[in-house]
C-alpha atoms as a PDB file:
ATOM      1  CA  MET A   1     -21.792 -13.759  -9.145  1.00  0.00           C
ATOM      2  CA  LEU A   2     -20.580 -15.740  -6.129  1.00  0.00           C
ATOM      3  CA  ARG A   3     -17.997 -13.044  -5.412  1.00  0.00           C
ATOM      4  CA  ARG A   4     -20.819 -10.545  -4.962  1.00  0.00           C
ATOM      5  CA  LEU A   5     -22.586 -12.907  -2.580  1.00  0.00           C
ATOM      6  CA  ILE A   6     -19.628 -13.507  -0.337  1.00  0.00           C
ATOM      7  CA  PRO A   7     -17.832 -10.162   0.193  1.00  0.00           C
ATOM      8  CA  GLY A   8     -15.295 -10.291   2.782  1.00  0.00           C
ATOM      9  CA  LEU A   9     -16.535 -13.004   4.969  1.00  0.00           C
ATOM     10  CA  LEU A  10     -14.234 -15.946   4.168  1.00  0.00           C
ATOM     11  CA  ALA A  11     -10.548 -16.216   5.039  1.00  0.00           C
ATOM     12  CA  ALA A  12      -7.534 -18.538   5.275  1.00  0.00           C
ATOM     13  CA  ALA A  13      -6.966 -22.167   4.391  1.00  0.00           C
ATOM     14  CA  LEU A  14      -7.415 -24.665   7.261  1.00  0.00           C
ATOM     15  CA  ALA A  15      -3.775 -25.680   7.240  1.00  0.00           C
ATOM     16  CA  TRP A  16      -2.436 -22.136   7.601  1.00  0.00           C
ATOM     17  CA  PRO A  17      -0.477 -21.806  10.881  1.00  0.00           C
ATOM     18  CA  LEU A  18      -2.052 -19.498  13.461  1.00  0.00           C
ATOM     19  CA  THR A  19       0.225 -16.886  15.045  1.00  0.00           C
ATOM     20  CA  ALA A  20      -0.757 -15.169  18.299  1.00  0.00           C
ATOM     21  CA  LEU A  21      -1.663 -11.530  17.810  1.00  0.00           C
ATOM     22  CA  ALA A  22      -0.410 -10.170  21.119  1.00  0.00           C
ATOM     23  CA  ALA A  23       0.688  -6.959  19.354  1.00  0.00           C
ATOM     24  CA  LEU A  24      -2.618  -6.389  17.594  1.00  0.00           C
ATOM     25  CA  PRO A  25      -5.862  -5.147  19.175  1.00  0.00           C
ATOM     26  CA  VAL A  26      -7.893  -7.960  17.573  1.00  0.00           C
ATOM     27  CA  PRO A  27      -6.857 -11.504  18.607  1.00  0.00           C
ATOM     28  CA  GLY A  28      -6.094 -14.122  15.981  1.00  0.00           C
ATOM     29  CA  PHE A  29      -8.576 -16.866  15.179  1.00  0.00           C
ATOM     30  CA  THR A  30      -9.559 -19.605  12.783  1.00  0.00           C
ATOM     31  CA  ALA A  31     -13.311 -20.006  12.254  1.00  0.00           C
ATOM     32  CA  ARG A  32     -15.140 -22.624  10.192  1.00  0.00           C
ATOM     33  CA  TYR A  33     -18.643 -21.989   8.843  1.00  0.00           C
ATOM     34  CA  SER A  34     -21.431 -23.886   7.124  1.00  0.00           C
ATOM     35  CA  LEU A  35     -22.349 -22.207   3.855  1.00  0.00           C
ATOM     36  CA  ALA A  36     -25.819 -22.028   2.281  1.00  0.00           C
ATOM     37  CA  LEU A  37     -26.823 -20.274  -0.925  1.00  0.00           C
ATOM     38  CA  SER A  38     -30.495 -19.326  -1.362  1.00  0.00           C
ATOM     39  CA  GLY A  39     -31.367 -21.623   1.540  1.00  0.00           C
ATOM     40  CA  VAL A  40     -29.543 -24.660   0.125  1.00  0.00           C
ATOM     41  CA  PRO A  41     -26.554 -26.015   2.128  1.00  0.00           C
ATOM     42  CA  VAL A  42     -23.621 -26.226  -0.275  1.00  0.00           C
ATOM     43  CA  GLY A  43     -20.383 -26.488   1.685  1.00  0.00           C
ATOM     44  CA  GLU A  44     -18.074 -24.767   4.110  1.00  0.00           C
ATOM     45  CA  ALA A  45     -16.011 -21.618   4.471  1.00  0.00           C
ATOM     46  CA  THR A  46     -13.010 -20.870   6.683  1.00  0.00           C
ATOM     47  CA  VAL A  47     -11.901 -17.507   8.073  1.00  0.00           C
ATOM     48  CA  THR A  48      -8.480 -16.934   9.649  1.00  0.00           C
ATOM     49  CA  LEU A  49      -6.690 -13.890  11.009  1.00  0.00           C
ATOM     50  CA  ASP A  50      -2.966 -13.871  11.843  1.00  0.00           C
ATOM     51  CA  GLU A  51      -0.027 -11.509  12.213  1.00  0.00           C
ATOM     52  CA  PRO A  52       2.728 -12.047   9.588  1.00  0.00           C
ATOM     53  CA  ALA A  53       4.874  -9.241  11.045  1.00  0.00           C
ATOM     54  CA  PRO A  54       4.638  -6.919  14.054  1.00  0.00           C
ATOM     55  CA  GLY A  55       1.764  -4.488  13.620  1.00  0.00           C
ATOM     56  CA  ARG A  56       0.497  -6.129  10.411  1.00  0.00           C
ATOM     57  CA  TYR A  57      -2.623  -8.217   9.915  1.00  0.00           C
ATOM     58  CA  ARG A  58      -3.404 -10.849   7.318  1.00  0.00           C
ATOM     59  CA  MET A  59      -6.771 -12.443   6.593  1.00  0.00           C
ATOM     60  CA  ARG A  60      -7.221 -15.274   4.135  1.00  0.00           C
ATOM     61  CA  SER A  61     -10.315 -17.056   2.944  1.00  0.00           C
ATOM     62  CA  GLU A  62     -11.525 -20.114   1.156  1.00  0.00           C
ATOM     63  CA  ALA A  63     -15.016 -21.420   0.417  1.00  0.00           C
ATOM     64  CA  ALA A  64     -16.033 -24.501  -1.544  1.00  0.00           C
ATOM     65  CA  ALA A  65     -18.922 -26.897  -2.041  1.00  0.00           C
ATOM     66  CA  LYS A  66     -18.801 -30.272  -0.293  1.00  0.00           C
ATOM     67  CA  GLY A  67     -19.984 -33.774  -1.176  1.00  0.00           C
ATOM     68  CA  GLN A  68     -22.008 -34.329  -4.354  1.00  0.00           C
ATOM     69  CA  LEU A  69     -22.470 -30.573  -4.792  1.00  0.00           C
ATOM     70  CA  ALA A  70     -18.724 -30.251  -5.358  1.00  0.00           C
ATOM     71  CA  VAL A  71     -19.320 -31.773  -8.799  1.00  0.00           C
ATOM     72  CA  LEU A  72     -22.069 -29.284  -9.638  1.00  0.00           C
ATOM     73  CA  LEU A  73     -20.316 -26.313  -8.006  1.00  0.00           C
ATOM     74  CA  PRO A  74     -16.582 -26.948  -8.486  1.00  0.00           C
ATOM     75  CA  ASP A  75     -15.592 -23.308  -8.010  1.00  0.00           C
ATOM     76  CA  ARG A  76     -13.361 -22.429  -5.075  1.00  0.00           C
ATOM     77  CA  LEU A  77     -13.403 -18.861  -3.814  1.00  0.00           C
ATOM     78  CA  SER A  78     -10.392 -17.412  -2.042  1.00  0.00           C
ATOM     79  CA  GLU A  79      -9.536 -13.973  -0.700  1.00  0.00           C
ATOM     80  CA  GLU A  80      -6.568 -12.441   1.055  1.00  0.00           C
ATOM     81  CA  ALA A  81      -6.120  -9.031   2.666  1.00  0.00           C
ATOM     82  CA  GLU A  82      -3.101  -7.470   4.335  1.00  0.00           C
ATOM     83  CA  GLY A  83      -2.665  -4.176   6.117  1.00  0.00           C
ATOM     84  CA  THR A  84      -1.506  -2.439   9.271  1.00  0.00           C
ATOM     85  CA  PHE A  85      -3.129  -1.389  12.529  1.00  0.00           C
ATOM     86  CA  GLY A  86      -2.950   2.267  13.515  1.00  0.00           C
ATOM     87  CA  ASP A  87      -4.556   4.389  16.209  1.00  0.00           C
ATOM     88  CA  ASP A  88      -7.732   4.456  14.114  1.00  0.00           C
ATOM     89  CA  GLY A  89      -7.895   0.718  13.492  1.00  0.00           C
ATOM     90  CA  PRO A  90      -7.030  -1.405  10.452  1.00  0.00           C
ATOM     91  CA  GLN A  91      -5.570   0.351   7.414  1.00  0.00           C
ATOM     92  CA  PRO A  92      -5.843  -1.846   4.287  1.00  0.00           C
ATOM     93  CA  GLY A  93      -2.836  -2.338   2.048  1.00  0.00           C
ATOM     94  CA  HIS A  94      -3.508  -5.153  -0.431  1.00  0.00           C
ATOM     95  CA  TYR A  95      -6.491  -7.311  -1.303  1.00  0.00           C
ATOM     96  CA  ARG A  96      -6.794 -10.227  -3.718  1.00  0.00           C
ATOM     97  CA  HIS A  97      -9.780 -12.314  -4.773  1.00  0.00           C
ATOM     98  CA  GLU A  98      -9.748 -15.432  -6.952  1.00  0.00           C
ATOM     99  CA  ARG A  99     -12.377 -17.822  -8.256  1.00  0.00           C
ATOM    100  CA  ARG A 100     -11.002 -21.021  -9.714  1.00  0.00           C
ATOM    101  CA  GLY A 101     -11.799 -24.672 -10.365  1.00  0.00           C
ATOM    102  CA  GLY A 102     -14.906 -24.190 -12.532  1.00  0.00           C
ATOM    103  CA  ARG A 103     -15.495 -22.924 -16.020  1.00  0.00           C
ATOM    104  CA  GLU A 104     -15.481 -19.293 -14.965  1.00  0.00           C
ATOM    105  CA  ARG A 105     -12.419 -17.674 -13.486  1.00  0.00           C
ATOM    106  CA  GLU A 106     -12.166 -14.393 -11.626  1.00  0.00           C
ATOM    107  CA  SER A 107      -9.166 -12.457 -10.435  1.00  0.00           C
ATOM    108  CA  VAL A 108      -9.157  -9.095  -8.664  1.00  0.00           C
ATOM    109  CA  ARG A 109      -6.244  -7.244  -7.083  1.00  0.00           C
ATOM    110  CA  ILE A 110      -6.690  -4.014  -5.127  1.00  0.00           C
ATOM    111  CA  ASP A 111      -3.813  -1.924  -3.768  1.00  0.00           C
ATOM    112  CA  PHE A 112      -4.367   0.905  -1.293  1.00  0.00           C
ATOM    113  CA  ASP A 113      -1.519   3.431  -1.636  1.00  0.00           C
ATOM    114  CA  PRO A 114      -1.672   6.247   0.975  1.00  0.00           C
ATOM    115  CA  ALA A 115       1.562   7.795  -0.292  1.00  0.00           C
ATOM    116  CA  ALA A 116       0.063   8.272  -3.758  1.00  0.00           C
ATOM    117  CA  GLY A 117      -3.416   8.952  -2.378  1.00  0.00           C
ATOM    118  CA  GLU A 118      -4.981   6.357  -4.630  1.00  0.00           C
ATOM    119  CA  VAL A 119      -6.490   2.891  -4.864  1.00  0.00           C
ATOM    120  CA  ARG A 120      -5.489   0.758  -7.847  1.00  0.00           C
ATOM    121  CA  ILE A 121      -7.774  -2.005  -9.107  1.00  0.00           C
ATOM    122  CA  GLU A 122      -6.807  -4.753 -11.530  1.00  0.00           C
ATOM    123  CA  GLU A 123      -9.638  -7.070 -12.565  1.00  0.00           C
ATOM    124  CA  ALA A 124      -9.340  -9.834 -15.133  1.00  0.00           C
ATOM    125  CA  GLY A 125     -11.113  -8.852 -18.336  1.00  0.00           C
ATOM    126  CA  SER A 126     -11.220  -5.143 -17.481  1.00  0.00           C
ATOM    127  CA  ALA A 127      -8.836  -2.243 -17.901  1.00  0.00           C
ATOM    128  CA  PRO A 128      -6.876  -1.226 -14.774  1.00  0.00           C
ATOM    129  CA  ALA A 129      -8.630   1.501 -12.763  1.00  0.00           C
ATOM    130  CA  LYS A 130      -7.647   4.083 -10.154  1.00  0.00           C
ATOM    131  CA  LEU A 131      -9.696   5.733  -7.422  1.00  0.00           C
ATOM    132  CA  ALA A 132      -8.867   8.614  -5.118  1.00  0.00           C
ATOM    133  CA  LEU A 133      -8.143   7.179  -1.653  1.00  0.00           C
ATOM    134  CA  VAL A 134     -10.499   8.710   0.918  1.00  0.00           C
ATOM    135  CA  PRO A 135     -11.086   7.867   4.609  1.00  0.00           C
ATOM    136  CA  GLY A 136     -13.448   4.969   5.152  1.00  0.00           C
ATOM    137  CA  MET A 137     -12.384   2.923   2.118  1.00  0.00           C
ATOM    138  CA  LEU A 138     -12.043  -0.764   2.990  1.00  0.00           C
ATOM    139  CA  ASP A 139     -11.699  -4.059   1.167  1.00  0.00           C
ATOM    140  CA  PRO A 140     -14.203  -6.798   2.138  1.00  0.00           C
ATOM    141  CA  LEU A 141     -11.962  -8.570   4.654  1.00  0.00           C
ATOM    142  CA  SER A 142     -10.612  -5.402   6.259  1.00  0.00           C
ATOM    143  CA  LEU A 143     -14.219  -4.292   6.671  1.00  0.00           C
ATOM    144  CA  GLN A 144     -14.958  -7.379   8.763  1.00  0.00           C
ATOM    145  CA  LEU A 145     -11.849  -6.724  10.830  1.00  0.00           C
ATOM    146  CA  ARG A 146     -12.793  -3.073  11.389  1.00  0.00           C
ATOM    147  CA  ALA A 147     -16.255  -4.081  12.621  1.00  0.00           C
ATOM    148  CA  MET A 148     -14.625  -6.395  15.164  1.00  0.00           C
ATOM    149  CA  TRP A 149     -12.234  -3.630  16.224  1.00  0.00           C
ATOM    150  CA  LEU A 150     -15.049  -1.089  16.675  1.00  0.00           C
ATOM    151  CA  LEU A 151     -17.059  -3.516  18.807  1.00  0.00           C
ATOM    152  CA  ARG A 152     -14.038  -4.312  20.991  1.00  0.00           C
ATOM    153  CA  GLN A 153     -13.474  -0.568  21.434  1.00  0.00           C
ATOM    154  CA  GLY A 154     -17.092  -0.001  22.381  1.00  0.00           C
ATOM    155  CA  ARG A 155     -17.414   2.432  19.489  1.00  0.00           C
ATOM    156  CA  PRO A 156     -20.622   2.830  17.459  1.00  0.00           C
ATOM    157  CA  PRO A 157     -21.019   1.546  13.885  1.00  0.00           C
ATOM    158  CA  GLU A 158     -20.149   3.955  11.095  1.00  0.00           C
ATOM    159  CA  SER A 159     -20.307   4.621   7.381  1.00  0.00           C
ATOM    160  CA  PHE A 160     -17.752   2.999   5.103  1.00  0.00           C
ATOM    161  CA  THR A 161     -16.951   2.596   1.440  1.00  0.00           C
ATOM    162  CA  LEU A 162     -16.597  -1.009   0.260  1.00  0.00           C
ATOM    163  CA  VAL A 163     -14.016  -1.409  -2.507  1.00  0.00           C
ATOM    164  CA  ASP A 164     -14.216  -4.833  -4.143  1.00  0.00           C
ATOM    165  CA  ASP A 165     -13.990  -3.627  -7.744  1.00  0.00           C
ATOM    166  CA  ALA A 166     -13.752  -0.361  -9.692  1.00  0.00           C
ATOM    167  CA  SER A 167     -17.261   0.713  -8.612  1.00  0.00           C
ATOM    168  CA  PRO A 168     -17.165   1.217  -4.813  1.00  0.00           C
ATOM    169  CA  ASP A 169     -20.349   1.521  -2.749  1.00  0.00           C
ATOM    170  CA  THR A 170     -20.859   3.540   0.446  1.00  0.00           C
ATOM    171  CA  TYR A 171     -22.975   2.044   3.235  1.00  0.00           C
ATOM    172  CA  ARG A 172     -24.117   2.830   6.754  1.00  0.00           C
ATOM    173  CA  VAL A 173     -23.964   0.047   9.340  1.00  0.00           C
ATOM    174  CA  GLU A 174     -26.424   0.227  12.227  1.00  0.00           C
ATOM    175  CA  SER A 175     -26.660  -1.651  15.521  1.00  0.00           C
ATOM    176  CA  ALA A 176     -29.645  -4.026  15.804  1.00  0.00           C
ATOM    177  CA  GLY A 177     -29.280  -5.119  19.438  1.00  0.00           C
ATOM    178  CA  ARG A 178     -28.368  -8.598  20.686  1.00  0.00           C
ATOM    179  CA  GLU A 179     -29.604 -12.042  19.692  1.00  0.00           C
ATOM    180  CA  THR A 180     -28.746 -15.660  20.489  1.00  0.00           C
ATOM    181  CA  VAL A 181     -27.488 -17.705  17.531  1.00  0.00           C
ATOM    182  CA  LYS A 182     -27.474 -21.516  17.328  1.00  0.00           C
ATOM    183  CA  THR A 183     -23.943 -22.570  16.314  1.00  0.00           C
ATOM    184  CA  GLY A 184     -21.773 -25.656  16.290  1.00  0.00           C
ATOM    185  CA  ARG A 185     -20.436 -24.416  19.645  1.00  0.00           C
ATOM    186  CA  GLY A 186     -23.955 -24.220  21.079  1.00  0.00           C
ATOM    187  CA  PRO A 187     -26.171 -21.145  21.588  1.00  0.00           C
ATOM    188  CA  VAL A 188     -24.075 -17.960  21.507  1.00  0.00           C
ATOM    189  CA  GLU A 189     -25.159 -14.416  22.368  1.00  0.00           C
ATOM    190  CA  ALA A 190     -24.078 -11.952  19.703  1.00  0.00           C
ATOM    191  CA  GLU A 191     -24.107  -8.267  18.853  1.00  0.00           C
ATOM    192  CA  VAL A 192     -26.088  -7.665  15.651  1.00  0.00           C
ATOM    193  CA  LEU A 193     -24.989  -5.171  12.998  1.00  0.00           C
ATOM    194  CA  ARG A 194     -27.035  -4.517   9.884  1.00  0.00           C
ATOM    195  CA  ARG A 195     -26.091  -2.963   6.564  1.00  0.00           C
ATOM    196  CA  GLY A 196     -29.113  -1.613   4.761  1.00  0.00           C
ATOM    197  CA  ARG A 197     -32.766  -1.402   5.770  1.00  0.00           C
ATOM    198  CA  PRO A 198     -35.841  -3.512   4.920  1.00  0.00           C
ATOM    199  CA  GLY A 199     -36.834  -2.712   1.364  1.00  0.00           C
ATOM    200  CA  ASP A 200     -33.274  -2.022   0.200  1.00  0.00           C
ATOM    201  CA  LYS A 201     -32.112  -3.996  -2.834  1.00  0.00           C
ATOM    202  CA  ARG A 202     -29.229  -5.546  -0.879  1.00  0.00           C
ATOM    203  CA  THR A 203     -28.899  -6.038   2.875  1.00  0.00           C
ATOM    204  CA  ALA A 204     -26.441  -7.855   5.113  1.00  0.00           C
ATOM    205  CA  THR A 205     -26.718  -8.788   8.790  1.00  0.00           C
ATOM    206  CA  PHE A 206     -23.763  -9.802  10.957  1.00  0.00           C
ATOM    207  CA  TRP A 207     -23.761 -11.475  14.380  1.00  0.00           C
ATOM    208  CA  PHE A 208     -20.519 -10.878  16.348  1.00  0.00           C
ATOM    209  CA  ALA A 209     -19.965 -12.914  19.535  1.00  0.00           C
ATOM    210  CA  PRO A 210     -18.302 -11.138  22.507  1.00  0.00           C
ATOM    211  CA  LYS A 211     -17.326 -14.498  24.085  1.00  0.00           C
ATOM    212  CA  PHE A 212     -15.243 -15.270  20.972  1.00  0.00           C
ATOM    213  CA  GLY A 213     -13.551 -11.881  20.790  1.00  0.00           C
ATOM    214  CA  TYR A 214     -16.305 -10.611  18.445  1.00  0.00           C
ATOM    215  CA  VAL A 215     -15.593 -13.222  15.796  1.00  0.00           C
ATOM    216  CA  PRO A 216     -18.713 -13.343  13.583  1.00  0.00           C
ATOM    217  CA  VAL A 217     -20.884 -16.383  14.310  1.00  0.00           C
ATOM    218  CA  GLN A 218     -23.401 -15.780  11.530  1.00  0.00           C
ATOM    219  CA  ILE A 219     -23.759 -13.676   8.373  1.00  0.00           C
ATOM    220  CA  VAL A 220     -26.892 -13.402   6.255  1.00  0.00           C
ATOM    221  CA  GLN A 221     -27.187 -11.499   2.978  1.00  0.00           C
ATOM    222  CA  THR A 222     -30.363 -10.756   1.064  1.00  0.00           C
ATOM    223  CA  ARG A 223     -31.165  -9.446  -2.391  1.00  0.00           C
ATOM    224  CA  LYS A 224     -34.590  -7.995  -3.187  1.00  0.00           C
ATOM    225  CA  GLY A 225     -35.906  -9.402   0.083  1.00  0.00           C
ATOM    226  CA  ARG A 226     -34.719 -12.972  -0.526  1.00  0.00           C
ATOM    227  CA  GLU A 227     -31.887 -14.651   1.332  1.00  0.00           C
ATOM    228  CA  THR A 228     -28.908 -15.325  -0.915  1.00  0.00           C
ATOM    229  CA  LEU A 229     -26.193 -16.296   1.564  1.00  0.00           C
ATOM    230  CA  ARG A 230     -26.034 -17.669   5.100  1.00  0.00           C
ATOM    231  CA  MET A 231     -22.864 -18.545   6.974  1.00  0.00           C
ATOM    232  CA  THR A 232     -23.151 -20.075  10.459  1.00  0.00           C
ATOM    233  CA  LEU A 233     -20.280 -20.923  12.786  1.00  0.00           C
ATOM    234  CA  ILE A 234     -19.285 -24.578  13.109  1.00  0.00           C
ATOM    235  CA  ASP A 235     -16.192 -24.106  15.260  1.00  0.00           C
ATOM    236  CA  VAL A 236     -13.597 -21.494  16.205  1.00  0.00           C
ATOM    237  CA  SER A 237     -10.148 -21.575  17.776  1.00  0.00           C
ATOM    238  CA  GLY A 238      -7.251 -19.259  18.519  1.00  0.00           C
ATOM    239  CA  GLU A 239      -6.377 -16.380  20.828  1.00  0.00           C
ATOM    240  CA  ALA A 240      -9.840 -14.826  20.436  1.00  0.00           C
ATOM    241  CA  VAL A 241     -11.538 -17.668  22.320  1.00  0.00           C
ATOM    242  CA  ARG A 242      -9.043 -18.169  25.160  1.00  0.00           C
END
């Protein structure tokens, strides 16, 4: 259930070394967020982007409860995505998601194979699946990266297909103007993108800050009109904020 609430918005352990992304069109960063579920503060999440090889991107994620809630919510959620940057932005290659530490365990691996024209999904407890690879397919972390890339290019939002399991969903992201968000770095003006419209079963709103290289400073998800997830920036560092 938590995997559905936190698609693609968490990346990289705090200790992971940050490499400058001079060769990539989106600068590297490490961002730390407060995490609340259904309005209740539960812990923190970290998002990091780096460049493991020229022209390649890597995003990693980790989210966990803090303090006394760590006993009640011992699960740790981690994600990792790798891919390349082309003329049309990030092209996903591999994505992995894991949930561990609690009673329930989850494991998902997704491989995007342009040569074979397919996407392969392996999910614990389910039979392996294959999908035809079509333009606009993105894993959760590569989706976040593409939104940053589009904003830096001054290009409008677009439709995309989110692949986080064997049942992908297609969405349209729309611009919702600018707003100021209260963060751990003070008030920050941000571009607002919204997935879904009021009345939809699921919606998600993203605030991307130009002063931080369009690193997201807040993400809010709702289900049936009720907030299920809120992530708000505590701090950010790296090439994106220099």
